[in-house]
C-alpha atoms as a PDB file:
ATOM      1  CA  MET A   1     125.120 127.368 133.909  1.00  0.00           C
ATOM      2  CA  ILE A   2     122.357 124.958 132.931  1.00  0.00           C
ATOM      3  CA  GLY A   3     122.021 122.104 135.394  1.00  0.00           C
ATOM      4  CA  PRO A   4     121.080 118.490 134.748  1.00  0.00           C
ATOM      5  CA  GLY A   5     117.415 119.356 135.148  1.00  0.00           C
ATOM      6  CA  GLY A   6     117.554 121.813 132.236  1.00  0.00           C
ATOM      7  CA  ARG A   7     119.238 119.281 129.989  1.00  0.00           C
ATOM      8  CA  ALA A   8     116.791 116.546 130.984  1.00  0.00           C
ATOM      9  CA  ALA A   9     113.828 118.838 130.359  1.00  0.00           C
ATOM     10  CA  SER A  10     115.188 119.781 126.911  1.00  0.00           C
ATOM     11  CA  PHE A  11     115.737 116.117 126.057  1.00  0.00           C
ATOM     12  CA  ALA A  12     112.220 115.194 127.182  1.00  0.00           C
ATOM     13  CA  LEU A  13     110.601 118.122 125.363  1.00  0.00           C
ATOM     14  CA  ALA A  14     112.317 117.311 122.078  1.00  0.00           C
ATOM     15  CA  ALA A  15     111.518 113.611 122.395  1.00  0.00           C
ATOM     16  CA  GLY A  16     107.870 114.410 123.105  1.00  0.00           C
ATOM     17  CA  VAL A  17     107.554 116.814 120.161  1.00  0.00           C
ATOM     18  CA  ALA A  18     109.251 114.381 117.782  1.00  0.00           C
ATOM     19  CA  ARG A  19     107.096 111.467 118.882  1.00  0.00           C
ATOM     20  CA  ALA A  20     103.869 113.473 118.673  1.00  0.00           C
ATOM     21  CA  ALA A  21     104.772 114.784 115.218  1.00  0.00           C
ATOM     22  CA  LEU A  22     105.665 111.268 114.018  1.00  0.00           C
ATOM     23  CA  THR A  23     102.272 109.979 115.162  1.00  0.00           C
ATOM     24  CA  ALA A  24     100.427 112.905 113.575  1.00  0.00           C
ATOM     25  CA  LEU A  25     102.179 112.441 110.228  1.00  0.00           C
ATOM     26  CA  ARG A  26     101.372 108.743 110.170  1.00  0.00           C
ATOM     27  CA  THR A  27      97.727 109.539 110.892  1.00  0.00           C
ATOM     28  CA  ALA A  28      97.376 112.207 108.195  1.00  0.00           C
ATOM     29  CA  PRO A  29     100.392 112.324 105.829  1.00  0.00           C
ATOM     30  CA  PRO A  30     100.433 115.500 103.696  1.00  0.00           C
ATOM     31  CA  GLY A  31      99.923 114.575 100.051  1.00  0.00           C
ATOM     32  CA  GLY A  32      99.150 110.931 100.816  1.00  0.00           C
ATOM     33  CA  ARG A  33     101.220 107.999 102.060  1.00  0.00           C
ATOM     34  CA  ALA A  34     102.850 107.220  98.717  1.00  0.00           C
ATOM     35  CA  ARG A  35     104.600 110.602  98.732  1.00  0.00           C
ATOM     36  CA  TRP A  36     106.381 109.678 101.965  1.00  0.00           C
ATOM     37  CA  GLU A  37     107.317 106.065 101.262  1.00  0.00           C
ATOM     38  CA  ARG A  38     110.695 104.802 100.067  1.00  0.00           C
ATOM     39  CA  VAL A  39     112.362 101.429  99.553  1.00  0.00           C
ATOM     40  CA  ASN A  40     115.425 101.040 101.782  1.00  0.00           C
ATOM     41  CA  HIS A  41     118.685  99.157 101.209  1.00  0.00           C
ATOM     42  CA  ALA A  42     117.068  95.862 102.188  1.00  0.00           C
ATOM     43  CA  GLY A  43     114.149  96.280  99.815  1.00  0.00           C
ATOM     44  CA  ARG A  44     111.663  97.143 102.570  1.00  0.00           C
ATOM     45  CA  THR A  45     109.147  99.949 102.284  1.00  0.00           C
ATOM     46  CA  VAL A  46     109.668 102.557 105.005  1.00  0.00           C
ATOM     47  CA  ASP A  47     108.241 106.009 105.601  1.00  0.00           C
ATOM     48  CA  LEU A  48     110.028 109.348 105.845  1.00  0.00           C
ATOM     49  CA  TYR A  49     107.953 110.749 108.708  1.00  0.00           C
ATOM     50  CA  ALA A  50     110.815 110.630 111.200  1.00  0.00           C
ATOM     51  CA  GLY A  51     112.595 113.358 109.233  1.00  0.00           C
ATOM     52  CA  PRO A  52     110.095 116.211 109.581  1.00  0.00           C
ATOM     53  CA  ALA A  53     109.239 115.067 113.108  1.00  0.00           C
ATOM     54  CA  CYS A  54     112.875 115.434 114.193  1.00  0.00           C
ATOM     55  CA  ALA A  55     113.331 118.657 112.230  1.00  0.00           C
ATOM     56  CA  LEU A  56     110.418 120.274 114.048  1.00  0.00           C
ATOM     57  CA  ALA A  57     111.623 119.145 117.468  1.00  0.00           C
ATOM     58  CA  ALA A  58     115.210 120.227 116.804  1.00  0.00           C
ATOM     59  CA  ALA A  59     114.173 123.622 115.448  1.00  0.00           C
ATOM     60  CA  VAL A  60     112.008 124.328 118.485  1.00  0.00           C
ATOM     61  CA  GLY A  61     114.886 123.447 120.788  1.00  0.00           C
ATOM     62  CA  ALA A  62     117.505 125.400 118.837  1.00  0.00           C
ATOM     63  CA  ALA A  63     115.250 128.468 118.835  1.00  0.00           C
ATOM     64  CA  ARG A  64     115.788 128.651 122.587  1.00  0.00           C
ATOM     65  CA  VAL A  65     119.413 129.583 121.811  1.00  0.00           C
ATOM     66  CA  GLY A  66     118.213 132.312 119.465  1.00  0.00           C
ATOM     67  CA  PRO A  67     115.837 132.861 116.531  1.00  0.00           C
ATOM     68  CA  ALA A  68     118.650 132.566 113.967  1.00  0.00           C
ATOM     69  CA  ALA A  69     119.726 129.209 115.394  1.00  0.00           C
ATOM     70  CA  GLY A  70     116.173 127.871 115.246  1.00  0.00           C
ATOM     71  CA  LEU A  71     115.744 129.122 111.688  1.00  0.00           C
ATOM     72  CA  ALA A  72     119.043 127.531 110.638  1.00  0.00           C
ATOM     73  CA  VAL A  73     117.918 124.134 111.896  1.00  0.00           C
ATOM     74  CA  LEU A  74     114.491 124.581 110.322  1.00  0.00           C
ATOM     75  CA  ALA A  75     116.082 125.639 107.025  1.00  0.00           C
ATOM     76  CA  ALA A  76     118.407 122.631 107.078  1.00  0.00           C
ATOM     77  CA  GLY A  77     115.395 120.373 107.540  1.00  0.00           C
ATOM     78  CA  ALA A  78     113.403 122.183 104.835  1.00  0.00           C
ATOM     79  CA  CYS A  79     116.253 121.922 102.314  1.00  0.00           C
ATOM     80  CA  GLY A  80     116.607 118.256 103.182  1.00  0.00           C
ATOM     81  CA  ALA A  81     112.859 117.757 102.704  1.00  0.00           C
ATOM     82  CA  TYR A  82     113.050 119.362  99.274  1.00  0.00           C
ATOM     83  CA  ASP A  83     115.809 116.948  98.317  1.00  0.00           C
ATOM     84  CA  ASP A  84     113.898 113.992  99.784  1.00  0.00           C
ATOM     85  CA  LEU A  85     110.776 114.814  97.783  1.00  0.00           C
ATOM     86  CA  ALA A  86     112.004 116.559  94.623  1.00  0.00           C
ATOM     87  CA  GLY A  87     115.292 114.716  94.226  1.00  0.00           C
ATOM     88  CA  ALA A  88     114.126 111.198  95.007  1.00  0.00           C
ATOM     89  CA  GLY A  89     115.067 109.883  91.557  1.00  0.00           C
ATOM     90  CA  ASP A  90     118.374 111.752  91.221  1.00  0.00           C
ATOM     91  CA  ALA A  91     121.293 109.336  91.541  1.00  0.00           C
ATOM     92  CA  ARG A  92     123.964 112.054  91.549  1.00  0.00           C
ATOM     93  CA  ARG A  93     126.027 112.253  94.720  1.00  0.00           C
ATOM     94  CA  GLY A  94     128.569 114.750  96.006  1.00  0.00           C
ATOM     95  CA  PHE A  95     128.930 118.503  95.732  1.00  0.00           C
ATOM     96  CA  ARG A  96     130.904 118.285  92.496  1.00  0.00           C
ATOM     97  CA  ALA A  97     128.111 116.535  90.612  1.00  0.00           C
ATOM     98  CA  HIS A  98     125.526 119.107  91.613  1.00  0.00           C
ATOM     99  CA  LEU A  99     127.830 122.078  90.969  1.00  0.00           C
ATOM    100  CA  THR A 100     128.678 120.665  87.554  1.00  0.00           C
ATOM    101  CA  ALA A 101     124.967 120.439  86.759  1.00  0.00           C
ATOM    102  CA  LEU A 102     124.530 124.026  87.983  1.00  0.00           C
ATOM    103  CA  ARG A 103     127.250 125.250  85.616  1.00  0.00           C
ATOM    104  CA  ARG A 104     125.267 123.633  82.797  1.00  0.00           C
ATOM    105  CA  GLY A 105     122.168 125.538  83.823  1.00  0.00           C
ATOM    106  CA  GLU A 106     120.431 122.763  85.783  1.00  0.00           C
ATOM    107  CA  VAL A 107     119.422 123.610  89.328  1.00  0.00           C
ATOM    108  CA  THR A 108     119.308 120.275  91.141  1.00  0.00           C
ATOM    109  CA  SER A 109     117.690 119.612  94.497  1.00  0.00           C
ATOM    110  CA  GLY A 110     121.191 118.888  95.792  1.00  0.00           C
ATOM    111  CA  ALA A 111     122.363 122.361  94.762  1.00  0.00           C
ATOM    112  CA  VAL A 112     119.361 123.944  96.479  1.00  0.00           C
ATOM    113  CA  LYS A 113     120.221 121.992  99.596  1.00  0.00           C
ATOM    114  CA  LEU A 114     123.913 122.951  99.457  1.00  0.00           C
ATOM    115  CA  PHE A 115     123.366 126.685  99.105  1.00  0.00           C
ATOM    116  CA  GLY A 116     120.286 126.839 101.309  1.00  0.00           C
ATOM    117  CA  ILE A 117     121.892 125.118 104.275  1.00  0.00           C
ATOM    118  CA  SER A 118     125.142 127.065 103.848  1.00  0.00           C
ATOM    119  CA  ALA A 119     123.332 130.404 103.821  1.00  0.00           C
ATOM    120  CA  ALA A 120     121.234 129.522 106.866  1.00  0.00           C
ATOM    121  CA  ALA A 121     124.293 128.257 108.729  1.00  0.00           C
ATOM    122  CA  LEU A 122     126.241 131.444 108.043  1.00  0.00           C
ATOM    123  CA  ALA A 123     123.283 133.510 109.232  1.00  0.00           C
ATOM    124  CA  ALA A 124     123.223 131.503 112.454  1.00  0.00           C
ATOM    125  CA  GLY A 125     126.991 131.865 112.782  1.00  0.00           C
ATOM    126  CA  THR A 126     126.657 135.632 112.427  1.00  0.00           C
ATOM    127  CA  ALA A 127     124.167 135.686 115.273  1.00  0.00           C
ATOM    128  CA  LEU A 128     126.176 133.359 117.508  1.00  0.00           C
ATOM    129  CA  GLY A 129     129.698 134.710 116.954  1.00  0.00           C
ATOM    130  CA  ARG A 130     131.151 137.934 118.309  1.00  0.00           C
ATOM    131  CA  ARG A 131     133.947 138.510 115.804  1.00  0.00           C
ATOM    132  CA  PRO A 132     134.004 137.954 112.013  1.00  0.00           C
ATOM    133  CA  LEU A 133     136.266 134.876 112.203  1.00  0.00           C
ATOM    134  CA  ASP A 134     134.173 133.339 114.983  1.00  0.00           C
ATOM    135  CA  ARG A 135     131.024 133.929 112.957  1.00  0.00           C
ATOM    136  CA  LEU A 136     132.534 132.249 109.911  1.00  0.00           C
ATOM    137  CA  LEU A 137     133.762 129.277 111.922  1.00  0.00           C
ATOM    138  CA  ALA A 138     130.370 128.908 113.602  1.00  0.00           C
ATOM    139  CA  GLY A 139     128.676 128.878 110.203  1.00  0.00           C
ATOM    140  CA  VAL A 140     131.071 126.225 108.928  1.00  0.00           C
ATOM    141  CA  VAL A 141     130.423 124.090 112.013  1.00  0.00           C
ATOM    142  CA  VAL A 142     126.633 124.294 111.667  1.00  0.00           C
ATOM    143  CA  ALA A 143     126.662 123.508 107.935  1.00  0.00           C
ATOM    144  CA  GLY A 144     129.405 120.897 108.307  1.00  0.00           C
ATOM    145  CA  ALA A 145     127.617 119.075 111.114  1.00  0.00           C
ATOM    146  CA  ALA A 146     124.399 119.000 109.082  1.00  0.00           C
ATOM    147  CA  HIS A 147     126.280 117.465 106.170  1.00  0.00           C
ATOM    148  CA  PHE A 148     128.197 115.007 108.349  1.00  0.00           C
ATOM    149  CA  VAL A 149     125.131 113.444 109.985  1.00  0.00           C
ATOM    150  CA  ASN A 150     123.630 113.023 106.522  1.00  0.00           C
ATOM    151  CA  LEU A 151     126.814 111.289 105.362  1.00  0.00           C
ATOM    152  CA  VAL A 152     126.561 108.609 108.058  1.00  0.00           C
ATOM    153  CA  ASP A 153     122.871 107.969 107.367  1.00  0.00           C
ATOM    154  CA  VAL A 154     123.540 104.886 105.243  1.00  0.00           C
ATOM    155  CA  ARG A 155     121.864 102.142 107.300  1.00  0.00           C
ATOM    156  CA  PRO A 156     118.933 102.007 109.750  1.00  0.00           C
ATOM    157  CA  GLY A 157     119.753 103.763 113.010  1.00  0.00           C
ATOM    158  CA  ARG A 158     123.223 104.949 111.989  1.00  0.00           C
ATOM    159  CA  ALA A 159     122.429 108.668 111.946  1.00  0.00           C
ATOM    160  CA  GLY A 160     120.379 108.531 115.143  1.00  0.00           C
ATOM    161  CA  ALA A 161     123.114 106.652 116.962  1.00  0.00           C
ATOM    162  CA  ALA A 162     125.697 109.147 115.670  1.00  0.00           C
ATOM    163  CA  VAL A 163     123.643 112.055 117.025  1.00  0.00           C
ATOM    164  CA  LEU A 164     123.444 110.406 120.433  1.00  0.00           C
ATOM    165  CA  ALA A 165     127.185 109.720 120.488  1.00  0.00           C
ATOM    166  CA  LEU A 166     128.224 113.146 119.197  1.00  0.00           C
ATOM    167  CA  GLY A 167     125.746 115.028 121.357  1.00  0.00           C
ATOM    168  CA  ALA A 168     126.698 113.346 124.645  1.00  0.00           C
ATOM    169  CA  PRO A 169     129.947 115.339 125.183  1.00  0.00           C
ATOM    170  CA  GLY A 170     127.948 118.518 124.637  1.00  0.00           C
ATOM    171  CA  LEU A 171     125.960 117.800 127.780  1.00  0.00           C
ATOM    172  CA  LEU A 172     129.083 118.588 129.773  1.00  0.00           C
ATOM    173  CA  ARG A 173     129.219 122.137 128.459  1.00  0.00           C
ATOM    174  CA  ALA A 174     127.791 125.157 130.217  1.00  0.00           C
ATOM    175  CA  GLY A 175     125.076 127.382 128.839  1.00  0.00           C
ATOM    176  CA  PRO A 176     122.621 126.929 125.966  1.00  0.00           C
ATOM    177  CA  GLY A 177     124.952 124.628 124.048  1.00  0.00           C
ATOM    178  CA  ALA A 178     124.257 121.825 126.519  1.00  0.00           C
ATOM    179  CA  ARG A 179     120.532 122.331 126.186  1.00  0.00           C
ATOM    180  CA  THR A 180     120.707 122.237 122.384  1.00  0.00           C
ATOM    181  CA  ALA A 181     122.775 119.047 122.432  1.00  0.00           C
ATOM    182  CA  ALA A 182     120.088 117.508 124.656  1.00  0.00           C
ATOM    183  CA  VAL A 183     117.430 118.601 122.173  1.00  0.00           C
ATOM    184  CA  ALA A 184     119.174 116.880 119.254  1.00  0.00           C
ATOM    185  CA  MET A 185     119.630 113.733 121.326  1.00  0.00           C
ATOM    186  CA  GLY A 186     116.019 113.715 122.521  1.00  0.00           C
ATOM    187  CA  ALA A 187     114.623 114.018 119.009  1.00  0.00           C
ATOM    188  CA  ALA A 188     116.942 111.287 117.700  1.00  0.00           C
ATOM    189  CA  ALA A 189     116.153 108.951 120.587  1.00  0.00           C
ATOM    190  CA  ALA A 190     112.407 109.340 120.053  1.00  0.00           C
ATOM    191  CA  VAL A 191     112.487 107.895 116.534  1.00  0.00           C
ATOM    192  CA  LEU A 192     115.473 105.551 116.863  1.00  0.00           C
ATOM    193  CA  PRO A 193     113.441 102.409 117.741  1.00  0.00           C
ATOM    194  CA  ASP A 194     111.293 102.841 114.617  1.00  0.00           C
ATOM    195  CA  ASP A 195     114.383 103.572 112.533  1.00  0.00           C
ATOM    196  CA  LEU A 196     116.166 100.442 113.747  1.00  0.00           C
ATOM    197  CA  ALA A 197     113.019  98.380 113.131  1.00  0.00           C
ATOM    198  CA  GLU A 198     112.972  99.724 109.539  1.00  0.00           C
ATOM    199  CA  ARG A 199     109.553 101.288 109.866  1.00  0.00           C
ATOM    200  CA  THR A 200     110.796 104.820 109.226  1.00  0.00           C
ATOM    201  CA  MET A 201     113.925 106.700 108.207  1.00  0.00           C
ATOM    202  CA  LEU A 202     115.336 110.148 108.882  1.00  0.00           C
ATOM    203  CA  GLY A 203     116.121 110.930 105.268  1.00  0.00           C
ATOM    204  CA  ASP A 204     117.890 114.158 104.395  1.00  0.00           C
ATOM    205  CA  THR A 205     115.223 116.090 106.314  1.00  0.00           C
ATOM    206  CA  GLY A 206     115.987 114.617 109.708  1.00  0.00           C
ATOM    207  CA  ALA A 207     119.694 114.044 109.228  1.00  0.00           C
ATOM    208  CA  HIS A 208     120.400 117.632 108.184  1.00  0.00           C
ATOM    209  CA  ALA A 209     118.208 119.139 110.891  1.00  0.00           C
ATOM    210  CA  LEU A 210     119.689 117.035 113.699  1.00  0.00           C
ATOM    211  CA  GLY A 211     123.212 117.691 112.431  1.00  0.00           C
ATOM    212  CA  ALA A 212     122.569 121.421 112.282  1.00  0.00           C
ATOM    213  CA  ALA A 213     121.294 121.308 115.868  1.00  0.00           C
ATOM    214  CA  LEU A 214     124.525 119.622 116.957  1.00  0.00           C
ATOM    215  CA  GLY A 215     126.447 122.336 115.135  1.00  0.00           C
ATOM    216  CA  VAL A 216     124.454 125.021 116.929  1.00  0.00           C
ATOM    217  CA  ALA A 217     125.267 123.316 120.239  1.00  0.00           C
ATOM    218  CA  VAL A 218     128.988 123.571 119.502  1.00  0.00           C
ATOM    219  CA  ALA A 219     128.756 127.128 118.148  1.00  0.00           C
ATOM    220  CA  ALA A 220     126.762 128.317 121.152  1.00  0.00           C
ATOM    221  CA  ALA A 221     129.235 126.957 123.681  1.00  0.00           C
ATOM    222  CA  GLY A 222     132.654 126.718 122.063  1.00  0.00           C
ATOM    223  CA  GLY A 223     135.411 129.315 121.910  1.00  0.00           C
ATOM    224  CA  ARG A 224     137.458 130.011 118.792  1.00  0.00           C
ATOM    225  CA  GLY A 225     139.787 127.062 119.367  1.00  0.00           C
ATOM    226  CA  THR A 226     136.905 124.617 119.739  1.00  0.00           C
ATOM    227  CA  LEU A 227     135.176 126.034 116.679  1.00  0.00           C
ATOM    228  CA  ALA A 228     138.358 125.803 114.621  1.00  0.00           C
ATOM    229  CA  VAL A 229     138.967 122.160 115.578  1.00  0.00           C
ATOM    230  CA  HIS A 230     135.384 121.165 114.803  1.00  0.00           C
ATOM    231  CA  ALA A 231     135.372 123.126 111.543  1.00  0.00           C
ATOM    232  CA  ALA A 232     138.603 121.487 110.372  1.00  0.00           C
ATOM    233  CA  ALA A 233     137.346 118.002 111.242  1.00  0.00           C
ATOM    234  CA  LEU A 234     134.019 118.533 109.478  1.00  0.00           C
ATOM    235  CA  VAL A 235     135.595 120.030 106.362  1.00  0.00           C
ATOM    236  CA  GLY A 236     138.029 117.101 106.287  1.00  0.00           C
ATOM    237  CA  ALA A 237     135.149 114.625 106.495  1.00  0.00           C
ATOM    238  CA  ALA A 238     133.328 116.431 103.677  1.00  0.00           C
ATOM    239  CA  VAL A 239     136.412 116.418 101.446  1.00  0.00           C
ATOM    240  CA  ARG A 240     136.995 112.727 102.094  1.00  0.00           C
ATOM    241  CA  ALA A 241     133.366 111.941 101.224  1.00  0.00           C
ATOM    242  CA  GLU A 242     133.623 114.038  98.081  1.00  0.00           C
ATOM    243  CA  VAL A 243     136.723 112.145  96.946  1.00  0.00           C
ATOM    244  CA  ALA A 244     134.968 108.842  97.611  1.00  0.00           C
ATOM    245  CA  ALA A 245     131.917 109.995  95.633  1.00  0.00           C
ATOM    246  CA  GLY A 246     134.153 111.004  92.740  1.00  0.00           C
ATOM    247  CA  ARG A 247     135.872 107.628  92.680  1.00  0.00           C
ATOM    248  CA  GLN A 248     132.536 105.836  92.761  1.00  0.00           C
ATOM    249  CA  SER A 249     131.245 107.978  89.898  1.00  0.00           C
ATOM    250  CA  HIS A 250     134.314 107.198  87.761  1.00  0.00           C
ATOM    251  CA  SER A 251     134.087 103.483  88.497  1.00  0.00           C
ATOM    252  CA  CYS A 252     130.435 103.449  87.425  1.00  0.00           C
ATOM    253  CA  GLY A 253     131.045 105.586  84.367  1.00  0.00           C
END
């Protein structure tokens, strides 16, 4: 069992990595500052550096559970980054819109994100689960958690606060799941002040990576019952969001 010291060390390590990466990106942004700037809901210009900073910290922490877990978190962040950069002007929302475009022969950044994160999550689930059903449930939890944190990222600080709230119960678990929950929380806490001050934002990159790390924490520690409950809740949240996106699309059409 991992004691409080292990959880505290994981939290501190992730926070330190995220903060250092955030500072480095602000000093020398790849491709120039304009590539990483967006206008938020309030009309303010913010940067996207918090996303890759958190993705790196979360991936490093999740890798301590196992290589597949670390790669799943890294892949979730990478797919989110592709959507942040390549899909910046795409107003389509929801799985249905991107799957419809795919049927027409258009591969959207949203479709890349959907299939990329799902594949990585299932690979992580295969590594973390002992039986086929457990592996499937673990994959659903990792992918579903990545999607859920992105869903709540609608205002400054919302996603970071959600990660802190959802990760806290995981600290009570035994084993590597507690350490991974602490990693997600540490990375989120490191950038939360800047997020709340509207200087930066997690974007899809950070939200998906932190969510995937929370999913790994559950998959690494939970039995089949816990996995099933989390999977059902996350699928329900995704379906509800999809219905809402469909209604919004029809009302705008």
